[in-house]
Amino acid sequence: TEIYTLSLHDALPIYPKKWMPAQRYSIPGAKWIPNAGLETLTPELRNYFEETVKRLTKSNKDAKLVCFCRRGYYAKIAAERLVRMGYTNIFLYPGTDLWEDAGNRLIIVKPEKMK
């Protein structure tokens, strides 16, 4: 069973809809969806999040999704959003700070492209 790890770190401030940050340190294998855990999403950002998750999971609502950010706050918001989207297999990881504190390495990841 494939597990999809979603990095939901913020990339504030939010610039015009075509702007994307260049990179960020994250857990190996994670797919970074910037700003997806913000409390309020613009219509463009909401569409980006929904379409990216749909593409990554191949529309499988039972896909295992692990959500994390740096300390967990944005991941929780994004996980709630995933539940409202109908996803049923969502897990939270406490964050990259804990990952690194445990002696694990972080790698540079690039944001998932807007389609």
PDB file of N, CA and C in Angstrom:
ATOM      1  N   THR A   1       0.841  -1.180   0.000  1.00  0.00           N
ATOM      2  CA  THR A   1       0.000   0.000   0.000  1.00  0.00           C
ATOM      3  C   THR A   1       0.882   1.237   0.000  1.00  0.00           C
ATOM      4  N   GLU A   2       0.631   2.118  -0.915  1.00  0.00           N
ATOM      5  CA  GLU A   2       1.407   3.356  -0.988  1.00  0.00           C
ATOM      6  C   GLU A   2       0.901   4.354   0.045  1.00  0.00           C
ATOM      7  N   ILE A   3       1.840   5.039   0.689  1.00  0.00           N
ATOM      8  CA  ILE A   3       1.503   6.072   1.661  1.00  0.00           C
ATOM      9  C   ILE A   3       1.952   7.404   1.087  1.00  0.00           C
ATOM     10  N   TYR A   4       1.075   8.385   1.070  1.00  0.00           N
ATOM     11  CA  TYR A   4       1.371   9.707   0.542  1.00  0.00           C
ATOM     12  C   TYR A   4       1.665  10.636   1.712  1.00  0.00           C
ATOM     13  N   THR A   5       2.868  11.197   1.731  1.00  0.00           N
ATOM     14  CA  THR A   5       3.281  12.085   2.800  1.00  0.00           C
ATOM     15  C   THR A   5       3.206  13.508   2.285  1.00  0.00           C
ATOM     16  N   LEU A   6       2.354  14.320   2.904  1.00  0.00           N
ATOM     17  CA  LEU A   6       2.105  15.678   2.442  1.00  0.00           C
ATOM     18  C   LEU A   6       2.729  16.687   3.393  1.00  0.00           C
ATOM     19  N   SER A   7       3.690  17.432   2.892  1.00  0.00           N
ATOM     20  CA  SER A   7       4.311  18.507   3.653  1.00  0.00           C
ATOM     21  C   SER A   7       3.486  19.766   3.443  1.00  0.00           C
ATOM     22  N   LEU A   8       3.027  20.371   4.517  1.00  0.00           N
ATOM     23  CA  LEU A   8       2.085  21.483   4.407  1.00  0.00           C
ATOM     24  C   LEU A   8       2.648  22.764   5.000  1.00  0.00           C
ATOM     25  N   HIS A   9       3.968  22.890   4.971  1.00  0.00           N
ATOM     26  CA  HIS A   9       4.620  24.096   5.483  1.00  0.00           C
ATOM     27  C   HIS A   9       4.081  25.332   4.800  1.00  0.00           C
ATOM     28  N   ASP A  10       4.078  26.402   5.544  1.00  0.00           N
ATOM     29  CA  ASP A  10       3.658  27.662   4.946  1.00  0.00           C
ATOM     30  C   ASP A  10       4.799  28.238   4.120  1.00  0.00           C
ATOM     31  N   ALA A  11       4.457  29.158   3.284  1.00  0.00           N
ATOM     32  CA  ALA A  11       5.426  29.854   2.439  1.00  0.00           C
ATOM     33  C   ALA A  11       5.002  31.307   2.359  1.00  0.00           C
ATOM     34  N   LEU A  12       4.646  31.855   3.497  1.00  0.00           N
ATOM     35  CA  LEU A  12       4.137  33.226   3.540  1.00  0.00           C
ATOM     36  C   LEU A  12       5.216  34.218   3.168  1.00  0.00           C
ATOM     37  N   PRO A  13       4.907  35.373   2.668  1.00  0.00           N
ATOM     38  CA  PRO A  13       3.556  35.819   2.364  1.00  0.00           C
ATOM     39  C   PRO A  13       3.048  35.216   1.058  1.00  0.00           C
ATOM     40  N   ILE A  14       1.741  35.275   0.875  1.00  0.00           N
ATOM     41  CA  ILE A  14       1.157  34.764  -0.369  1.00  0.00           C
ATOM     42  C   ILE A  14       1.219  35.877  -1.403  1.00  0.00           C
ATOM     43  N   TYR A  15       1.866  35.580  -2.484  1.00  0.00           N
ATOM     44  CA  TYR A  15       2.010  36.517  -3.589  1.00  0.00           C
ATOM     45  C   TYR A  15       0.985  36.184  -4.661  1.00  0.00           C
ATOM     46  N   PRO A  16       1.030  36.844  -5.794  1.00  0.00           N
ATOM     47  CA  PRO A  16       0.065  36.516  -6.859  1.00  0.00           C
ATOM     48  C   PRO A  16       0.026  35.020  -7.155  1.00  0.00           C
ATOM     49  N   LYS A  17      -1.097  34.557  -7.672  1.00  0.00           N
ATOM     50  CA  LYS A  17      -1.390  33.128  -7.764  1.00  0.00           C
ATOM     51  C   LYS A  17      -0.343  32.293  -8.490  1.00  0.00           C
ATOM     52  N   LYS A  18       0.468  32.863  -9.332  1.00  0.00           N
ATOM     53  CA  LYS A  18       1.475  32.080 -10.040  1.00  0.00           C
ATOM     54  C   LYS A  18       2.781  31.955  -9.259  1.00  0.00           C
ATOM     55  N   TRP A  19       2.921  32.683  -8.164  1.00  0.00           N
ATOM     56  CA  TRP A  19       4.143  32.629  -7.379  1.00  0.00           C
ATOM     57  C   TRP A  19       4.210  31.354  -6.563  1.00  0.00           C
ATOM     58  N   MET A  20       5.362  30.712  -6.599  1.00  0.00           N
ATOM     59  CA  MET A  20       5.595  29.550  -5.758  1.00  0.00           C
ATOM     60  C   MET A  20       6.999  29.680  -5.176  1.00  0.00           C
ATOM     61  N   PRO A  21       7.188  29.317  -3.907  1.00  0.00           N
ATOM     62  CA  PRO A  21       8.518  29.343  -3.317  1.00  0.00           C
ATOM     63  C   PRO A  21       9.413  28.317  -4.000  1.00  0.00           C
ATOM     64  N   ALA A  22      10.699  28.554  -3.978  1.00  0.00           N
ATOM     65  CA  ALA A  22      11.628  27.697  -4.699  1.00  0.00           C
ATOM     66  C   ALA A  22      11.843  26.345  -4.027  1.00  0.00           C
ATOM     67  N   GLN A  23      12.030  26.340  -2.701  1.00  0.00           N
ATOM     68  CA  GLN A  23      12.333  25.086  -2.022  1.00  0.00           C
ATOM     69  C   GLN A  23      12.159  25.227  -0.516  1.00  0.00           C
ATOM     70  N   ARG A  24      12.253  24.077   0.178  1.00  0.00           N
ATOM     71  CA  ARG A  24      12.133  24.045   1.634  1.00  0.00           C
ATOM     72  C   ARG A  24      12.723  22.736   2.127  1.00  0.00           C
ATOM     73  N   TYR A  25      13.202  22.718   3.370  1.00  0.00           N
ATOM     74  CA  TYR A  25      13.669  21.474   3.969  1.00  0.00           C
ATOM     75  C   TYR A  25      12.473  20.686   4.472  1.00  0.00           C
ATOM     76  N   SER A  26      12.464  19.377   4.205  1.00  0.00           N
ATOM     77  CA  SER A  26      11.327  18.552   4.582  1.00  0.00           C
ATOM     78  C   SER A  26      11.769  17.105   4.783  1.00  0.00           C
ATOM     79  N   ILE A  27      10.816  16.252   5.136  1.00  0.00           N
ATOM     80  CA  ILE A  27      11.065  14.828   5.345  1.00  0.00           C
ATOM     81  C   ILE A  27      11.229  14.143   3.991  1.00  0.00           C
ATOM     82  N   PRO A  28      12.235  13.273   3.844  1.00  0.00           N
ATOM     83  CA  PRO A  28      12.433  12.586   2.563  1.00  0.00           C
ATOM     84  C   PRO A  28      11.163  11.885   2.075  1.00  0.00           C
ATOM     85  N   GLY A  29      10.879  12.049   0.794  1.00  0.00           N
ATOM     86  CA  GLY A  29       9.724  11.413   0.163  1.00  0.00           C
ATOM     87  C   GLY A  29       8.438  12.219   0.221  1.00  0.00           C
ATOM     88  N   ALA A  30       8.453  13.324   0.957  1.00  0.00           N
ATOM     89  CA  ALA A  30       7.238  14.123   1.108  1.00  0.00           C
ATOM     90  C   ALA A  30       6.945  14.930  -0.150  1.00  0.00           C
ATOM     91  N   LYS A  31       5.687  15.187  -0.375  1.00  0.00           N
ATOM     92  CA  LYS A  31       5.229  16.070  -1.441  1.00  0.00           C
ATOM     93  C   LYS A  31       4.807  17.372  -0.785  1.00  0.00           C
ATOM     94  N   TRP A  32       5.433  18.481  -1.160  1.00  0.00           N
ATOM     95  CA  TRP A  32       5.170  19.761  -0.507  1.00  0.00           C
ATOM     96  C   TRP A  32       4.053  20.510  -1.217  1.00  0.00           C
ATOM     97  N   ILE A  33       3.011  20.841  -0.466  1.00  0.00           N
ATOM     98  CA  ILE A  33       1.890  21.636  -0.961  1.00  0.00           C
ATOM     99  C   ILE A  33       1.862  22.917  -0.116  1.00  0.00           C
ATOM    100  N   PRO A  34       2.593  23.952  -0.536  1.00  0.00           N
ATOM    101  CA  PRO A  34       2.721  25.169   0.278  1.00  0.00           C
ATOM    102  C   PRO A  34       1.387  25.836   0.597  1.00  0.00           C
ATOM    103  N   ASN A  35       1.308  26.327   1.834  1.00  0.00           N
ATOM    104  CA  ASN A  35       0.178  27.137   2.306  1.00  0.00           C
ATOM    105  C   ASN A  35      -1.152  26.395   2.390  1.00  0.00           C
ATOM    106  N   ALA A  36      -1.172  25.093   2.174  1.00  0.00           N
ATOM    107  CA  ALA A  36      -2.432  24.350   2.173  1.00  0.00           C
ATOM    108  C   ALA A  36      -3.056  24.230   3.557  1.00  0.00           C
ATOM    109  N   GLY A  37      -2.296  24.524   4.600  1.00  0.00           N
ATOM    110  CA  GLY A  37      -2.828  24.442   5.945  1.00  0.00           C
ATOM    111  C   GLY A  37      -3.223  25.777   6.539  1.00  0.00           C
ATOM    112  N   LEU A  38      -3.218  26.814   5.718  1.00  0.00           N
ATOM    113  CA  LEU A  38      -3.650  28.114   6.230  1.00  0.00           C
ATOM    114  C   LEU A  38      -5.130  28.053   6.592  1.00  0.00           C
ATOM    115  N   GLU A  39      -5.527  28.855   7.562  1.00  0.00           N
ATOM    116  CA  GLU A  39      -6.920  28.828   8.005  1.00  0.00           C
ATOM    117  C   GLU A  39      -7.886  29.236   6.904  1.00  0.00           C
ATOM    118  N   THR A  40      -7.503  30.191   6.098  1.00  0.00           N
ATOM    119  CA  THR A  40      -8.344  30.656   4.997  1.00  0.00           C
ATOM    120  C   THR A  40      -7.552  30.534   3.701  1.00  0.00           C
ATOM    121  N   LEU A  41      -8.152  29.897   2.706  1.00  0.00           N
ATOM    122  CA  LEU A  41      -7.501  29.738   1.409  1.00  0.00           C
ATOM    123  C   LEU A  41      -8.189  30.603   0.367  1.00  0.00           C
ATOM    124  N   THR A  42      -7.389  31.173  -0.521  1.00  0.00           N
ATOM    125  CA  THR A  42      -7.969  31.845  -1.677  1.00  0.00           C
ATOM    126  C   THR A  42      -8.584  30.763  -2.563  1.00  0.00           C
ATOM    127  N   PRO A  43      -9.498  31.117  -3.453  1.00  0.00           N
ATOM    128  CA  PRO A  43     -10.044  30.106  -4.370  1.00  0.00           C
ATOM    129  C   PRO A  43      -8.949  29.401  -5.172  1.00  0.00           C
ATOM    130  N   GLU A  44      -7.922  30.151  -5.585  1.00  0.00           N
ATOM    131  CA  GLU A  44      -6.830  29.544  -6.360  1.00  0.00           C
ATOM    132  C   GLU A  44      -6.053  28.541  -5.519  1.00  0.00           C
ATOM    133  N   LEU A  45      -5.764  28.895  -4.272  1.00  0.00           N
ATOM    134  CA  LEU A  45      -5.003  28.006  -3.398  1.00  0.00           C
ATOM    135  C   LEU A  45      -5.825  26.774  -3.016  1.00  0.00           C
ATOM    136  N   ARG A  46      -7.119  26.954  -2.785  1.00  0.00           N
ATOM    137  CA  ARG A  46      -7.999  25.813  -2.486  1.00  0.00           C
ATOM    138  C   ARG A  46      -8.015  24.840  -3.675  1.00  0.00           C
ATOM    139  N   ASN A  47      -8.152  25.367  -4.876  1.00  0.00           N
ATOM    140  CA  ASN A  47      -8.148  24.532  -6.076  1.00  0.00           C
ATOM    141  C   ASN A  47      -6.802  23.814  -6.231  1.00  0.00           C
ATOM    142  N   TYR A  48      -5.704  24.540  -6.001  1.00  0.00           N
ATOM    143  CA  TYR A  48      -4.361  23.949  -6.075  1.00  0.00           C
ATOM    144  C   TYR A  48      -4.251  22.778  -5.102  1.00  0.00           C
ATOM    145  N   PHE A  49      -4.685  22.969  -3.856  1.00  0.00           N
ATOM    146  CA  PHE A  49      -4.622  21.907  -2.850  1.00  0.00           C
ATOM    147  C   PHE A  49      -5.468  20.711  -3.274  1.00  0.00           C
ATOM    148  N   GLU A  50      -6.719  20.952  -3.603  1.00  0.00           N
ATOM    149  CA  GLU A  50      -7.633  19.861  -3.955  1.00  0.00           C
ATOM    150  C   GLU A  50      -7.161  19.094  -5.186  1.00  0.00           C
ATOM    151  N   GLU A  51      -6.766  19.812  -6.221  1.00  0.00           N
ATOM    152  CA  GLU A  51      -6.332  19.152  -7.459  1.00  0.00           C
ATOM    153  C   GLU A  51      -5.009  18.412  -7.269  1.00  0.00           C
ATOM    154  N   THR A  52      -4.106  18.961  -6.459  1.00  0.00           N
ATOM    155  CA  THR A  52      -2.822  18.301  -6.213  1.00  0.00           C
ATOM    156  C   THR A  52      -3.027  17.002  -5.436  1.00  0.00           C
ATOM    157  N   VAL A  53      -3.854  17.036  -4.407  1.00  0.00           N
ATOM    158  CA  VAL A  53      -4.126  15.819  -3.636  1.00  0.00           C
ATOM    159  C   VAL A  53      -4.817  14.785  -4.525  1.00  0.00           C
ATOM    160  N   LYS A  54      -5.770  15.224  -5.318  1.00  0.00           N
ATOM    161  CA  LYS A  54      -6.474  14.312  -6.223  1.00  0.00           C
ATOM    162  C   LYS A  54      -5.491  13.649  -7.198  1.00  0.00           C
ATOM    163  N   ARG A  55      -4.564  14.449  -7.737  1.00  0.00           N
ATOM    164  CA  ARG A  55      -3.566  13.910  -8.672  1.00  0.00           C
ATOM    165  C   ARG A  55      -2.623  12.933  -7.973  1.00  0.00           C
ATOM    166  N   LEU A  56      -2.119  13.314  -6.796  1.00  0.00           N
ATOM    167  CA  LEU A  56      -1.169  12.464  -6.079  1.00  0.00           C
ATOM    168  C   LEU A  56      -1.786  11.137  -5.657  1.00  0.00           C
ATOM    169  N   THR A  57      -3.043  11.162  -5.244  1.00  0.00           N
ATOM    170  CA  THR A  57      -3.712   9.949  -4.758  1.00  0.00           C
ATOM    171  C   THR A  57      -4.446   9.198  -5.870  1.00  0.00           C
ATOM    172  N   LYS A  58      -4.392   9.738  -7.073  1.00  0.00           N
ATOM    173  CA  LYS A  58      -5.128   9.157  -8.198  1.00  0.00           C
ATOM    174  C   LYS A  58      -6.614   9.029  -7.847  1.00  0.00           C
ATOM    175  N   SER A  59      -7.127  10.030  -7.131  1.00  0.00           N
ATOM    176  CA  SER A  59      -8.534  10.123  -6.717  1.00  0.00           C
ATOM    177  C   SER A  59      -8.971   9.020  -5.763  1.00  0.00           C
ATOM    178  N   ASN A  60      -8.039   8.339  -5.140  1.00  0.00           N
ATOM    179  CA  ASN A  60      -8.356   7.271  -4.197  1.00  0.00           C
ATOM    180  C   ASN A  60      -8.629   7.882  -2.821  1.00  0.00           C
ATOM    181  N   LYS A  61      -9.890   7.968  -2.433  1.00  0.00           N
ATOM    182  CA  LYS A  61     -10.280   8.582  -1.158  1.00  0.00           C
ATOM    183  C   LYS A  61      -9.827   7.758   0.049  1.00  0.00           C
ATOM    184  N   ASP A  62      -9.420   6.492  -0.165  1.00  0.00           N
ATOM    185  CA  ASP A  62      -8.924   5.645   0.914  1.00  0.00           C
ATOM    186  C   ASP A  62      -7.396   5.612   0.987  1.00  0.00           C
ATOM    187  N   ALA A  63      -6.727   6.419   0.164  1.00  0.00           N
ATOM    188  CA  ALA A  63      -5.263   6.459   0.179  1.00  0.00           C
ATOM    189  C   ALA A  63      -4.776   6.901   1.553  1.00  0.00           C
ATOM    190  N   LYS A  64      -3.660   6.343   2.003  1.00  0.00           N
ATOM    191  CA  LYS A  64      -3.079   6.738   3.286  1.00  0.00           C
ATOM    192  C   LYS A  64      -2.345   8.062   3.087  1.00  0.00           C
ATOM    193  N   LEU A  65      -2.765   9.064   3.858  1.00  0.00           N
ATOM    194  CA  LEU A  65      -2.188  10.401   3.767  1.00  0.00           C
ATOM    195  C   LEU A  65      -1.599  10.784   5.121  1.00  0.00           C
ATOM    196  N   VAL A  66      -0.310  11.109   5.138  1.00  0.00           N
ATOM    197  CA  VAL A  66       0.346  11.574   6.358  1.00  0.00           C
ATOM    198  C   VAL A  66       0.586  13.068   6.189  1.00  0.00           C
ATOM    199  N   CYS A  67      -0.006  13.856   7.064  1.00  0.00           N
ATOM    200  CA  CYS A  67       0.111  15.309   6.993  1.00  0.00           C
ATOM    201  C   CYS A  67       1.071  15.806   8.065  1.00  0.00           C
ATOM    202  N   PHE A  68       1.931  16.728   7.697  1.00  0.00           N
ATOM    203  CA  PHE A  68       2.821  17.343   8.671  1.00  0.00           C
ATOM    204  C   PHE A  68       3.228  18.716   8.183  1.00  0.00           C
ATOM    205  N   CYS A  69       3.712  19.509   9.088  1.00  0.00           N
ATOM    206  CA  CYS A  69       4.326  20.797   8.774  1.00  0.00           C
ATOM    207  C   CYS A  69       5.522  20.919   9.711  1.00  0.00           C
ATOM    208  N   ARG A  70       5.857  22.080  10.129  1.00  0.00           N
ATOM    209  CA  ARG A  70       7.014  22.203  11.017  1.00  0.00           C
ATOM    210  C   ARG A  70       6.699  21.732  12.432  1.00  0.00           C
ATOM    211  N   ARG A  71       5.542  22.164  12.959  1.00  0.00           N
ATOM    212  CA  ARG A  71       5.186  21.824  14.336  1.00  0.00           C
ATOM    213  C   ARG A  71       3.782  21.236  14.482  1.00  0.00           C
ATOM    214  N   GLY A  72       3.031  21.097  13.418  1.00  0.00           N
ATOM    215  CA  GLY A  72       1.752  20.411  13.463  1.00  0.00           C
ATOM    216  C   GLY A  72       0.507  21.254  13.271  1.00  0.00           C
ATOM    217  N   TYR A  73       0.582  22.550  13.469  1.00  0.00           N
ATOM    218  CA  TYR A  73      -0.611  23.391  13.403  1.00  0.00           C
ATOM    219  C   TYR A  73      -1.244  23.391  12.012  1.00  0.00           C
ATOM    220  N   TYR A  74      -0.457  23.673  10.978  1.00  0.00           N
ATOM    221  CA  TYR A  74      -0.991  23.723   9.616  1.00  0.00           C
ATOM    222  C   TYR A  74      -1.414  22.342   9.128  1.00  0.00           C
ATOM    223  N   ALA A  75      -0.713  21.305   9.581  1.00  0.00           N
ATOM    224  CA  ALA A  75      -1.075  19.945   9.182  1.00  0.00           C
ATOM    225  C   ALA A  75      -2.463  19.574   9.687  1.00  0.00           C
ATOM    226  N   LYS A  76      -2.788  19.974  10.902  1.00  0.00           N
ATOM    227  CA  LYS A  76      -4.102  19.678  11.464  1.00  0.00           C
ATOM    228  C   LYS A  76      -5.205  20.347  10.638  1.00  0.00           C
ATOM    229  N   ILE A  77      -4.989  21.581  10.257  1.00  0.00           N
ATOM    230  CA  ILE A  77      -5.984  22.293   9.447  1.00  0.00           C
ATOM    231  C   ILE A  77      -6.145  21.606   8.091  1.00  0.00           C
ATOM    232  N   ALA A  78      -5.032  21.253   7.467  1.00  0.00           N
ATOM    233  CA  ALA A  78      -5.100  20.580   6.160  1.00  0.00           C
ATOM    234  C   ALA A  78      -5.758  19.212   6.288  1.00  0.00           C
ATOM    235  N   ALA A  79      -5.486  18.489   7.375  1.00  0.00           N
ATOM    236  CA  ALA A  79      -6.104  17.173   7.583  1.00  0.00           C
ATOM    237  C   ALA A  79      -7.622  17.319   7.706  1.00  0.00           C
ATOM    238  N   GLU A  80      -8.076  18.333   8.417  1.00  0.00           N
ATOM    239  CA  GLU A  80      -9.520  18.584   8.519  1.00  0.00           C
ATOM    240  C   GLU A  80     -10.108  18.884   7.146  1.00  0.00           C
ATOM    241  N   ARG A  81      -9.364  19.614   6.348  1.00  0.00           N
ATOM    242  CA  ARG A  81      -9.802  19.932   4.987  1.00  0.00           C
ATOM    243  C   ARG A  81      -9.915  18.639   4.165  1.00  0.00           C
ATOM    244  N   LEU A  82      -8.960  17.733   4.336  1.00  0.00           N
ATOM    245  CA  LEU A  82      -8.984  16.455   3.613  1.00  0.00           C
ATOM    246  C   LEU A  82     -10.206  15.626   4.004  1.00  0.00           C
ATOM    247  N   VAL A  83     -10.555  15.633   5.289  1.00  0.00           N
ATOM    248  CA  VAL A  83     -11.752  14.916   5.741  1.00  0.00           C
ATOM    249  C   VAL A  83     -12.986  15.483   5.042  1.00  0.00           C
ATOM    250  N   ARG A  84     -13.081  16.804   4.972  1.00  0.00           N
ATOM    251  CA  ARG A  84     -14.230  17.427   4.288  1.00  0.00           C
ATOM    252  C   ARG A  84     -14.252  17.078   2.795  1.00  0.00           C
ATOM    253  N   MET A  85     -13.078  16.775   2.235  1.00  0.00           N
ATOM    254  CA  MET A  85     -12.995  16.381   0.829  1.00  0.00           C
ATOM    255  C   MET A  85     -13.354  14.906   0.631  1.00  0.00           C
ATOM    256  N   GLY A  86     -13.541  14.176   1.742  1.00  0.00           N
ATOM    257  CA  GLY A  86     -13.942  12.779   1.642  1.00  0.00           C
ATOM    258  C   GLY A  86     -12.833  11.766   1.844  1.00  0.00           C
ATOM    259  N   TYR A  87     -11.628  12.201   2.158  1.00  0.00           N
ATOM    260  CA  TYR A  87     -10.526  11.265   2.409  1.00  0.00           C
ATOM    261  C   TYR A  87     -10.717  10.638   3.783  1.00  0.00           C
ATOM    262  N   THR A  88     -10.395   9.340   3.889  1.00  0.00           N
ATOM    263  CA  THR A  88     -10.738   8.582   5.089  1.00  0.00           C
ATOM    264  C   THR A  88      -9.542   8.021   5.849  1.00  0.00           C
ATOM    265  N   ASN A  89      -8.354   8.095   5.309  1.00  0.00           N
ATOM    266  CA  ASN A  89      -7.180   7.442   5.896  1.00  0.00           C
ATOM    267  C   ASN A  89      -6.084   8.472   6.150  1.00  0.00           C
ATOM    268  N   ILE A  90      -6.330   9.391   7.075  1.00  0.00           N
ATOM    269  CA  ILE A  90      -5.443  10.535   7.287  1.00  0.00           C
ATOM    270  C   ILE A  90      -4.732  10.402   8.627  1.00  0.00           C
ATOM    271  N   PHE A  91      -3.429  10.642   8.599  1.00  0.00           N
ATOM    272  CA  PHE A  91      -2.610  10.572   9.799  1.00  0.00           C
ATOM    273  C   PHE A  91      -1.854  11.881   9.960  1.00  0.00           C
ATOM    274  N   LEU A  92      -1.577  12.245  11.210  1.00  0.00           N
ATOM    275  CA  LEU A  92      -0.785  13.446  11.486  1.00  0.00           C
ATOM    276  C   LEU A  92       0.575  13.033  12.026  1.00  0.00           C
ATOM    277  N   TYR A  93       1.624  13.694  11.544  1.00  0.00           N
ATOM    278  CA  TYR A  93       2.963  13.532  12.110  1.00  0.00           C
ATOM    279  C   TYR A  93       3.296  14.856  12.792  1.00  0.00           C
ATOM    280  N   PRO A  94       3.906  14.826  13.989  1.00  0.00           N
ATOM    281  CA  PRO A  94       4.118  16.059  14.760  1.00  0.00           C
ATOM    282  C   PRO A  94       4.950  17.148  14.081  1.00  0.00           C
ATOM    283  N   GLY A  95       5.762  16.818  13.091  1.00  0.00           N
ATOM    284  CA  GLY A  95       6.445  17.875  12.368  1.00  0.00           C
ATOM    285  C   GLY A  95       7.915  17.643  12.114  1.00  0.00           C
ATOM    286  N   THR A  96       8.466  18.502  11.267  1.00  0.00           N
ATOM    287  CA  THR A  96       9.875  18.368  10.895  1.00  0.00           C
ATOM    288  C   THR A  96      10.810  18.688  12.050  1.00  0.00           C
ATOM    289  N   ASP A  97      10.382  19.531  12.991  1.00  0.00           N
ATOM    290  CA  ASP A  97      11.236  19.798  14.157  1.00  0.00           C
ATOM    291  C   ASP A  97      11.479  18.507  14.932  1.00  0.00           C
ATOM    292  N   LEU A  98      10.424  17.736  15.187  1.00  0.00           N
ATOM    293  CA  LEU A  98      10.558  16.476  15.914  1.00  0.00           C
ATOM    294  C   LEU A  98      11.369  15.467  15.097  1.00  0.00           C
ATOM    295  N   TRP A  99      11.127  15.419  13.806  1.00  0.00           N
ATOM    296  CA  TRP A  99      11.862  14.530  12.913  1.00  0.00           C
ATOM    297  C   TRP A  99      13.367  14.791  13.028  1.00  0.00           C
ATOM    298  N   GLU A 100      13.733  16.049  12.948  1.00  0.00           N
ATOM    299  CA  GLU A 100      15.146  16.430  13.018  1.00  0.00           C
ATOM    300  C   GLU A 100      15.711  16.221  14.426  1.00  0.00           C
ATOM    301  N   ASP A 101      14.934  16.537  15.457  1.00  0.00           N
ATOM    302  CA  ASP A 101      15.377  16.329  16.842  1.00  0.00           C
ATOM    303  C   ASP A 101      15.657  14.858  17.136  1.00  0.00           C
ATOM    304  N   ALA A 102      14.974  13.957  16.425  1.00  0.00           N
ATOM    305  CA  ALA A 102      15.173  12.517  16.600  1.00  0.00           C
ATOM    306  C   ALA A 102      16.406  12.012  15.849  1.00  0.00           C
ATOM    307  N   GLY A 103      17.132  12.921  15.202  1.00  0.00           N
ATOM    308  CA  GLY A 103      18.357  12.543  14.502  1.00  0.00           C
ATOM    309  C   GLY A 103      18.168  12.190  13.043  1.00  0.00           C
ATOM    310  N   ASN A 104      16.973  12.399  12.525  1.00  0.00           N
ATOM    311  CA  ASN A 104      16.713  12.114  11.115  1.00  0.00           C
ATOM    312  C   ASN A 104      17.077  13.328  10.270  1.00  0.00           C
ATOM    313  N   ARG A 105      17.415  13.076   9.030  1.00  0.00           N
ATOM    314  CA  ARG A 105      17.813  14.179   8.151  1.00  0.00           C
ATOM    315  C   ARG A 105      16.622  14.748   7.395  1.00  0.00           C
ATOM    316  N   LEU A 106      16.732  16.010   7.073  1.00  0.00           N
ATOM    317  CA  LEU A 106      15.770  16.676   6.208  1.00  0.00           C
ATOM    318  C   LEU A 106      16.433  16.860   4.855  1.00  0.00           C
ATOM    319  N   ILE A 107      15.635  16.908   3.819  1.00  0.00           N
ATOM    320  CA  ILE A 107      16.161  17.139   2.474  1.00  0.00           C
ATOM    321  C   ILE A 107      15.444  18.348   1.872  1.00  0.00           C
ATOM    322  N   ILE A 108      16.029  18.874   0.827  1.00  0.00           N
ATOM    323  CA  ILE A 108      15.397  19.991   0.115  1.00  0.00           C
ATOM    324  C   ILE A 108      14.329  19.429  -0.812  1.00  0.00           C
ATOM    325  N   VAL A 109      13.123  19.986  -0.708  1.00  0.00           N
ATOM    326  CA  VAL A 109      12.030  19.605  -1.607  1.00  0.00           C
ATOM    327  C   VAL A 109      11.533  20.852  -2.329  1.00  0.00           C
ATOM    328  N   LYS A 110      10.958  20.621  -3.467  1.00  0.00           N
ATOM    329  CA  LYS A 110      10.349  21.699  -4.246  1.00  0.00           C
ATOM    330  C   LYS A 110       8.834  21.545  -4.171  1.00  0.00           C
ATOM    331  N   PRO A 111       8.104  22.640  -4.299  1.00  0.00           N
ATOM    332  CA  PRO A 111       6.634  22.531  -4.217  1.00  0.00           C
ATOM    333  C   PRO A 111       6.057  21.757  -5.385  1.00  0.00           C
ATOM    334  N   GLU A 112       4.946  21.102  -5.124  1.00  0.00           N
ATOM    335  CA  GLU A 112       4.211  20.452  -6.200  1.00  0.00           C
ATOM    336  C   GLU A 112       3.768  21.529  -7.175  1.00  0.00           C
ATOM    337  N   LYS A 113       3.879  21.244  -8.427  1.00  0.00           N
ATOM    338  CA  LYS A 113       3.545  22.221  -9.467  1.00  0.00           C
ATOM    339  C   LYS A 113       2.043  22.435  -9.552  1.00  0.00           C
ATOM    340  N   MET A 114       1.682  23.673  -9.865  1.00  0.00           N
ATOM    341  CA  MET A 114       0.290  23.969 -10.154  1.00  0.00           C
ATOM    342  C   MET A 114      -0.012  23.446 -11.553  1.00  0.00           C
ATOM    343  N   LYS A 115      -1.119  22.787 -11.702  1.00  0.00           N
ATOM    344  CA  LYS A 115      -1.486  22.243 -13.023  1.00  0.00           C
ATOM    345  C   LYS A 115      -2.570  23.075 -13.643  1.00  0.00           C
TER     346      LYS A 115
END
